[in-house]
Protein backbone atom coordinates (compact mmCIF):
# COMPACT_ATOMS: atom_id res chain seq x y z
CA MET A 1 -0.52 13.72 -5.29
CA SER A 2 -3.79 12.45 -3.96
CA LYS A 3 -7.40 13.43 -4.55
CA TYR A 4 -7.98 13.05 -0.81
CA ASN A 5 -7.89 15.87 1.73
CA LEU A 6 -5.53 15.23 4.65
CA TYR A 7 -7.83 16.90 7.20
CA ASP A 8 -10.68 14.60 6.15
CA LEU A 9 -8.43 11.53 6.21
CA TRP A 10 -7.15 12.46 9.68
CA GLU A 11 -10.76 12.44 10.95
CA THR A 12 -11.40 9.11 9.21
CA PHE A 13 -8.32 7.41 10.67
CA PHE A 14 -7.91 9.19 14.02
CA THR A 15 -11.42 10.62 14.72
CA ASN A 16 -11.11 13.39 17.35
CA GLN A 17 -7.45 12.86 18.26
CA THR A 18 -5.08 15.82 18.07
CA GLU A 19 -1.99 13.61 17.94
CA ALA A 20 -1.18 10.12 16.70
CA PHE A 21 1.78 7.88 15.92
CA ASP A 22 2.45 6.42 12.50
CA TYR A 23 3.35 2.77 11.81
CA ALA A 24 7.07 3.54 12.29
CA GLY A 25 6.46 5.09 15.71
CA ARG A 26 6.82 8.75 14.77
CA ARG A 27 4.56 11.33 16.38
CA MET A 28 2.18 13.39 14.25
CA LEU A 29 0.10 16.40 15.23
CA LYS A 30 -3.14 17.40 13.57
CA SER A 31 -2.15 21.04 14.08
CA ALA A 32 0.97 20.44 11.94
CA ILE A 33 -0.99 19.45 8.82
CA GLY A 34 0.40 21.47 5.95
CA ASN A 35 3.47 22.66 7.88
CA GLN A 36 6.27 21.01 5.92
CA HIS A 37 8.83 22.47 8.35
CA SER A 38 7.35 20.71 11.39
CA ARG A 39 8.89 17.40 12.41
CA PHE A 40 5.35 16.37 13.45
CA CYS A 41 3.77 17.02 10.02
CA PRO A 42 1.48 14.20 8.85
CA THR A 43 1.36 13.33 5.14
CA ILE A 44 -0.60 11.08 2.83
CA ASP A 45 1.40 8.05 1.73
CA HIS A 46 0.39 5.57 -0.94
CA ILE A 47 1.46 2.20 0.44
CA ARG A 48 1.95 0.91 -3.09
CA PRO A 49 3.34 4.03 -4.76
CA LEU A 50 1.50 5.55 -7.71
CA SER A 51 4.79 5.23 -9.62
CA ASN A 52 4.60 1.46 -9.05
CA ASP A 53 1.02 0.99 -10.33
CA GLY A 54 -0.54 1.86 -6.95
CA LYS A 55 -4.02 3.35 -6.88
CA ASP A 56 -5.16 6.61 -5.35
CA SER A 57 -7.77 4.81 -3.27
CA ILE A 58 -8.53 4.81 0.44
CA GLU A 59 -7.41 1.17 0.62
CA ASN A 60 -3.92 2.14 -0.54
CA ILE A 61 -3.49 5.21 1.67
CA ILE A 62 -1.99 5.63 5.10
CA ILE A 63 -1.21 8.76 7.08
CA CYS A 64 2.40 8.92 8.19
CA ASN A 65 4.94 11.40 9.47
CA ILE A 66 6.68 13.51 6.82
CA THR A 67 10.05 11.93 7.71
CA THR A 68 8.65 8.39 7.49
CA ASN A 69 7.17 9.17 4.09
CA ALA A 70 10.44 10.68 2.82
CA GLU A 71 12.49 7.68 4.01
CA LYS A 72 10.05 5.19 2.42
CA GLY A 73 9.90 7.11 -0.85
CA ASP A 74 8.83 4.86 -3.73
CA SER A 75 10.07 1.67 -2.05
CA PHE A 76 7.67 -1.27 -2.25
CA PRO A 77 6.99 -3.93 -1.04
CA CYS A 78 9.90 -3.69 1.45
CA TRP A 79 11.51 -0.60 2.92
CA GLN A 80 13.33 0.77 5.94
CA THR A 81 12.27 3.79 7.97
CA ASN A 82 13.00 4.99 11.49
CA GLY A 83 15.62 2.24 11.76
CA LYS A 84 13.07 -0.54 11.20
CA GLN A 85 12.27 -2.85 8.28
CA PHE A 86 8.71 -3.00 6.91
CA GLN A 87 6.87 -4.98 4.29
CA ALA A 88 3.50 -4.38 2.63
CA ARG A 89 1.36 -7.41 1.97
CA LYS A 90 -1.78 -7.42 -0.12
CA VAL A 91 -4.94 -8.17 1.82
CA LYS A 92 -6.34 -11.44 0.50
CA GLY A 93 -9.47 -11.00 -1.58
CA THR A 94 -8.91 -7.29 -2.35
CA SER A 95 -7.82 -5.56 -5.51
CA GLY A 96 -5.46 -3.06 -3.91
CA GLU A 97 -5.58 -3.04 -0.12
CA TYR A 98 -2.35 -3.58 1.81
CA ASP A 99 -1.33 -4.19 5.41
CA ILE A 100 2.05 -3.07 6.70
CA PHE A 101 4.11 -5.44 8.80
CA GLN A 102 7.30 -4.78 10.71
CA LEU A 103 9.99 -7.35 9.94
CA LYS A 104 12.34 -8.66 12.62
């Protein structure tokens, strides 16, 4: 659970867009926020999971499709989602910011 509001984060990450694609290529719709039954539902994901000493900070948060988030689960620093392999790497000089890279 995060202290952040998904509507506010959507505006921070995607400004005035009504749809976006997550890092795994899945479509998300702003109108589907909160609709857990929609395949386009965006969710808040902690790149480094809270269960793995991740922080509930903006630097450790990404918005992703509900299916992407479920497939990633608590995996870190490597995981597979949407048939692709990903790895999180800490941004040099930060205390908890991560970039996500797709592996070949």
